Amino acid sequence: MQISSVLDKQNIVFDLTIKTKEELFNNLALSLENNGCITSARRFIKDLKKREKEASTGVEEGFGIPHAKSKAVIKPTIAFAHVDELTDYLALDGSRVECVFMIAVPDQANNTHLELLSFLARKLMDDQFKASIKMAKDAEEIRSILTSLGGE
């Protein structure tokens, strides 16, 4: 699967006013709903929170990969947000999450879900990738970084 096919620049958000995980989930889910990727932001947020209760999706060094399979998802999608360090969303290393790749896949799309999660997890082991993402200033840069580093 090509990352460019699931990451639309309309679903890339740079917003330093977002301070909590709740605000983050609401903002990205509304973006996905407004752009026709999901049918219900409220339903998708419920599924995100259910998944988050199992274990935090904060990874390390300020990155998070919240994800959910949901009946509300129309097509597999990745949304991205670069926000201020969130007060209530910690990565496994104790850092506050500030860069998020949110994965939304239809309820029965197990392979797609694992494929996207695996791709992002591998990329987040690369220090150059993480630095590039944190320094990116707009949606086009994010898309370019993802597609140039093996996302195609």
C-alpha atoms as a PDB file:
ATOM      1  CA  MET A   1       0.000   0.000   0.000  1.00  0.00           C
ATOM      2  CA  GLN A   2       1.271   3.452  -0.871  1.00  0.00           C
ATOM      3  CA  ILE A   3       1.249   5.913   2.013  1.00  0.00           C
ATOM      4  CA  SER A   4       0.294   8.698  -0.390  1.00  0.00           C
ATOM      5  CA  SER A   5      -2.972   6.858  -1.021  1.00  0.00           C
ATOM      6  CA  VAL A   6      -4.003   7.026   2.656  1.00  0.00           C
ATOM      7  CA  LEU A   7      -2.528  10.365   3.762  1.00  0.00           C
ATOM      8  CA  ASP A   8      -4.332  13.368   2.321  1.00  0.00           C
ATOM      9  CA  LYS A   9      -2.890  16.789   3.114  1.00  0.00           C
ATOM     10  CA  GLN A  10      -6.382  17.894   4.195  1.00  0.00           C
ATOM     11  CA  ASN A  11      -5.931  15.545   7.176  1.00  0.00           C
ATOM     12  CA  ILE A  12      -2.620  17.051   8.272  1.00  0.00           C
ATOM     13  CA  VAL A  13      -2.914  19.512  11.139  1.00  0.00           C
ATOM     14  CA  PHE A  14      -0.407  21.905  12.683  1.00  0.00           C
ATOM     15  CA  ASP A  15      -2.084  23.425  15.749  1.00  0.00           C
ATOM     16  CA  LEU A  16      -0.222  24.497  18.874  1.00  0.00           C
ATOM     17  CA  THR A  17      -3.489  25.369  20.637  1.00  0.00           C
ATOM     18  CA  ILE A  18      -4.293  21.662  21.059  1.00  0.00           C
ATOM     19  CA  LYS A  19      -3.245  20.779  24.628  1.00  0.00           C
ATOM     20  CA  THR A  20      -4.976  17.480  25.488  1.00  0.00           C
ATOM     21  CA  LYS A  21      -5.539  14.053  23.981  1.00  0.00           C
ATOM     22  CA  GLU A  22      -9.287  14.765  23.944  1.00  0.00           C
ATOM     23  CA  GLU A  23      -8.778  17.931  21.870  1.00  0.00           C
ATOM     24  CA  LEU A  24      -6.408  16.065  19.571  1.00  0.00           C
ATOM     25  CA  PHE A  25      -8.824  13.185  18.969  1.00  0.00           C
ATOM     26  CA  ASN A  26     -11.734  15.600  18.412  1.00  0.00           C
ATOM     27  CA  ASN A  27      -9.763  17.777  15.996  1.00  0.00           C
ATOM     28  CA  LEU A  28      -8.442  14.921  13.849  1.00  0.00           C
ATOM     29  CA  ALA A  29     -11.703  12.958  13.889  1.00  0.00           C
ATOM     30  CA  LEU A  30     -13.651  16.032  12.759  1.00  0.00           C
ATOM     31  CA  SER A  31     -11.120  16.551   9.987  1.00  0.00           C
ATOM     32  CA  LEU A  32     -11.566  12.939   8.878  1.00  0.00           C
ATOM     33  CA  GLU A  33     -15.355  13.300   8.984  1.00  0.00           C
ATOM     34  CA  ASN A  34     -15.337  16.609   7.100  1.00  0.00           C
ATOM     35  CA  ASN A  35     -13.097  15.122   4.410  1.00  0.00           C
ATOM     36  CA  GLY A  36     -15.289  12.054   3.860  1.00  0.00           C
ATOM     37  CA  CYS A  37     -12.970   9.451   5.410  1.00  0.00           C
ATOM     38  CA  ILE A  38     -15.289   8.498   8.274  1.00  0.00           C
ATOM     39  CA  THR A  39     -19.046   8.698   8.769  1.00  0.00           C
ATOM     40  CA  SER A  40     -19.060   9.718  12.427  1.00  0.00           C
ATOM     41  CA  ALA A  41     -16.360  11.515  14.392  1.00  0.00           C
ATOM     42  CA  ARG A  42     -18.129  10.631  17.630  1.00  0.00           C
ATOM     43  CA  ARG A  43     -18.182   6.896  16.840  1.00  0.00           C
ATOM     44  CA  PHE A  44     -14.560   6.894  15.694  1.00  0.00           C
ATOM     45  CA  ILE A  45     -13.413   8.746  18.842  1.00  0.00           C
ATOM     46  CA  LYS A  46     -15.240   6.139  20.938  1.00  0.00           C
ATOM     47  CA  ASP A  47     -13.286   3.404  19.137  1.00  0.00           C
ATOM     48  CA  LEU A  48     -10.000   5.305  19.576  1.00  0.00           C
ATOM     49  CA  LYS A  49     -10.623   5.642  23.303  1.00  0.00           C
ATOM     50  CA  LYS A  50     -11.522   1.963  23.587  1.00  0.00           C
ATOM     51  CA  ARG A  51      -8.215   1.050  21.934  1.00  0.00           C
ATOM     52  CA  GLU A  52      -6.324   3.553  24.103  1.00  0.00           C
ATOM     53  CA  LYS A  53      -7.653   1.881  27.271  1.00  0.00           C
ATOM     54  CA  GLU A  54      -5.830  -1.333  26.290  1.00  0.00           C
ATOM     55  CA  ALA A  55      -2.437   0.436  26.286  1.00  0.00           C
ATOM     56  CA  SER A  56      -1.177   3.889  25.456  1.00  0.00           C
ATOM     57  CA  THR A  57      -0.357   4.459  21.808  1.00  0.00           C
ATOM     58  CA  GLY A  58       2.354   6.965  22.727  1.00  0.00           C
ATOM     59  CA  VAL A  59       5.585   5.461  21.438  1.00  0.00           C
ATOM     60  CA  GLU A  60       8.695   7.474  22.262  1.00  0.00           C
ATOM     61  CA  GLU A  61      10.395  10.839  21.830  1.00  0.00           C
ATOM     62  CA  GLY A  62       7.090  12.705  21.588  1.00  0.00           C
ATOM     63  CA  PHE A  63       5.415  10.516  18.967  1.00  0.00           C
ATOM     64  CA  GLY A  64       2.092   8.719  19.137  1.00  0.00           C
ATOM     65  CA  ILE A  65       0.218   6.373  16.826  1.00  0.00           C
ATOM     66  CA  PRO A  66      -3.388   6.318  18.006  1.00  0.00           C
ATOM     67  CA  HIS A  67      -5.314   3.845  15.881  1.00  0.00           C
ATOM     68  CA  ALA A  68      -8.638   2.094  15.639  1.00  0.00           C
ATOM     69  CA  LYS A  69     -10.588  -0.241  13.465  1.00  0.00           C
ATOM     70  CA  SER A  70     -14.093   1.169  13.302  1.00  0.00           C
ATOM     71  CA  LYS A  71     -17.405   0.758  11.537  1.00  0.00           C
ATOM     72  CA  ALA A  72     -17.327   4.547  11.113  1.00  0.00           C
ATOM     73  CA  VAL A  73     -14.317   4.376   8.766  1.00  0.00           C
ATOM     74  CA  ILE A  74     -15.133   4.541   5.059  1.00  0.00           C
ATOM     75  CA  LYS A  75     -11.602   4.059   3.741  1.00  0.00           C
ATOM     76  CA  PRO A  76      -8.174   3.434   5.316  1.00  0.00           C
ATOM     77  CA  THR A  77      -6.692   6.777   6.268  1.00  0.00           C
ATOM     78  CA  ILE A  78      -3.808   8.317   8.159  1.00  0.00           C
ATOM     79  CA  ALA A  79      -4.198  11.742   9.725  1.00  0.00           C
ATOM     80  CA  PHE A  80      -1.214  13.641  11.129  1.00  0.00           C
ATOM     81  CA  ALA A  81      -0.991  16.343  13.774  1.00  0.00           C
ATOM     82  CA  HIS A  82       1.889  18.371  15.152  1.00  0.00           C
ATOM     83  CA  VAL A  83       0.668  20.031  18.328  1.00  0.00           C
ATOM     84  CA  ASP A  84       2.078  21.485  21.511  1.00  0.00           C
ATOM     85  CA  GLU A  85       3.292  18.851  23.970  1.00  0.00           C
ATOM     86  CA  LEU A  86       0.077  17.287  25.238  1.00  0.00           C
ATOM     87  CA  THR A  87      -0.426  17.417  28.985  1.00  0.00           C
ATOM     88  CA  ASP A  88      -2.157  14.027  29.212  1.00  0.00           C
ATOM     89  CA  TYR A  89      -0.649  11.929  26.431  1.00  0.00           C
ATOM     90  CA  LEU A  90       2.674  10.371  27.352  1.00  0.00           C
ATOM     91  CA  ALA A  91       4.905   8.185  25.239  1.00  0.00           C
ATOM     92  CA  LEU A  92       6.380   4.964  26.628  1.00  0.00           C
ATOM     93  CA  ASP A  93       9.617   6.810  27.475  1.00  0.00           C
ATOM     94  CA  GLY A  94       7.698   9.398  29.527  1.00  0.00           C
ATOM     95  CA  SER A  95       7.960  12.196  26.949  1.00  0.00           C
ATOM     96  CA  ARG A  96       4.864  14.220  26.118  1.00  0.00           C
ATOM     97  CA  VAL A  97       3.375  13.408  22.724  1.00  0.00           C
ATOM     98  CA  GLU A  98       3.506  16.245  20.188  1.00  0.00           C
ATOM     99  CA  CYS A  99       3.537  14.461  16.807  1.00  0.00           C
ATOM    100  CA  VAL A 100       0.753  12.021  16.022  1.00  0.00           C
ATOM    101  CA  PHE A 101      -0.019   9.697  13.160  1.00  0.00           C
ATOM    102  CA  MET A 102      -3.653   8.625  13.603  1.00  0.00           C
ATOM    103  CA  ILE A 103      -4.634   5.466  11.746  1.00  0.00           C
ATOM    104  CA  ALA A 104      -8.281   4.901  10.830  1.00  0.00           C
ATOM    105  CA  VAL A 105      -9.267   1.658   9.116  1.00  0.00           C
ATOM    106  CA  PRO A 106     -12.579  -0.077   8.464  1.00  0.00           C
ATOM    107  CA  ASP A 107     -13.612  -2.616  11.084  1.00  0.00           C
ATOM    108  CA  GLN A 108     -12.693  -5.710   9.042  1.00  0.00           C
ATOM    109  CA  ALA A 109      -9.448  -4.379   7.508  1.00  0.00           C
ATOM    110  CA  ASN A 110      -7.003  -6.333   9.672  1.00  0.00           C
ATOM    111  CA  ASN A 111      -4.188  -6.542   7.113  1.00  0.00           C
ATOM    112  CA  THR A 112      -4.372  -2.854   6.235  1.00  0.00           C
ATOM    113  CA  HIS A 113      -4.393  -1.901   9.891  1.00  0.00           C
ATOM    114  CA  LEU A 114      -1.277  -3.974  10.624  1.00  0.00           C
ATOM    115  CA  GLU A 115       0.456  -2.832   7.438  1.00  0.00           C
ATOM    116  CA  LEU A 116       0.046   0.871   8.286  1.00  0.00           C
ATOM    117  CA  LEU A 117       0.938   0.400  11.938  1.00  0.00           C
ATOM    118  CA  SER A 118       4.029  -1.607  11.034  1.00  0.00           C
ATOM    119  CA  PHE A 119       5.165   0.949   8.438  1.00  0.00           C
ATOM    120  CA  LEU A 120       4.895   3.837  10.906  1.00  0.00           C
ATOM    121  CA  ALA A 121       6.471   1.893  13.776  1.00  0.00           C
ATOM    122  CA  ARG A 122       9.480   1.073  11.575  1.00  0.00           C
ATOM    123  CA  LYS A 123       9.817   4.692  10.464  1.00  0.00           C
ATOM    124  CA  LEU A 124       9.686   5.903  14.065  1.00  0.00           C
ATOM    125  CA  MET A 125      12.810   3.879  14.826  1.00  0.00           C
ATOM    126  CA  ASP A 126      14.731   6.097  12.378  1.00  0.00           C
ATOM    127  CA  ASP A 127      16.206   9.197  14.069  1.00  0.00           C
ATOM    128  CA  GLN A 128      16.473  11.090  10.761  1.00  0.00           C
ATOM    129  CA  PHE A 129      12.808  10.444  10.033  1.00  0.00           C
ATOM    130  CA  LYS A 130      11.713  11.627  13.494  1.00  0.00           C
ATOM    131  CA  ALA A 131      13.829  14.778  13.256  1.00  0.00           C
ATOM    132  CA  SER A 132      12.470  15.552   9.776  1.00  0.00           C
ATOM    133  CA  ILE A 133       8.877  15.129  10.924  1.00  0.00           C
ATOM    134  CA  LYS A 134       9.399  17.369  13.964  1.00  0.00           C
ATOM    135  CA  MET A 135      10.997  20.082  11.805  1.00  0.00           C
ATOM    136  CA  ALA A 136       8.339  19.986   9.072  1.00  0.00           C
ATOM    137  CA  LYS A 137       6.331  23.186   8.784  1.00  0.00           C
ATOM    138  CA  ASP A 138       3.402  22.209   6.562  1.00  0.00           C
ATOM    139  CA  ALA A 139       1.344  19.384   5.091  1.00  0.00           C
ATOM    140  CA  GLU A 140       3.360  19.177   1.887  1.00  0.00           C
ATOM    141  CA  GLU A 141       6.584  18.592   3.833  1.00  0.00           C
ATOM    142  CA  ILE A 142       4.965  15.800   5.855  1.00  0.00           C
ATOM    143  CA  ARG A 143       3.718  14.059   2.703  1.00  0.00           C
ATOM    144  CA  SER A 144       7.094  14.474   1.034  1.00  0.00           C
ATOM    145  CA  ILE A 145       8.981  13.008   4.016  1.00  0.00           C
ATOM    146  CA  LEU A 146       6.675   9.995   4.208  1.00  0.00           C
ATOM    147  CA  THR A 147       6.734   9.219   0.503  1.00  0.00           C
ATOM    148  CA  SER A 148      10.481   9.810   0.020  1.00  0.00           C
ATOM    149  CA  LEU A 149      11.507   7.486   2.860  1.00  0.00           C
ATOM    150  CA  GLY A 150       9.979   4.339   1.463  1.00  0.00           C
ATOM    151  CA  GLY A 151       6.283   5.024   1.791  1.00  0.00           C
ATOM    152  CA  GLU A 152       5.597   4.512  -1.874  1.00  0.00           C
END
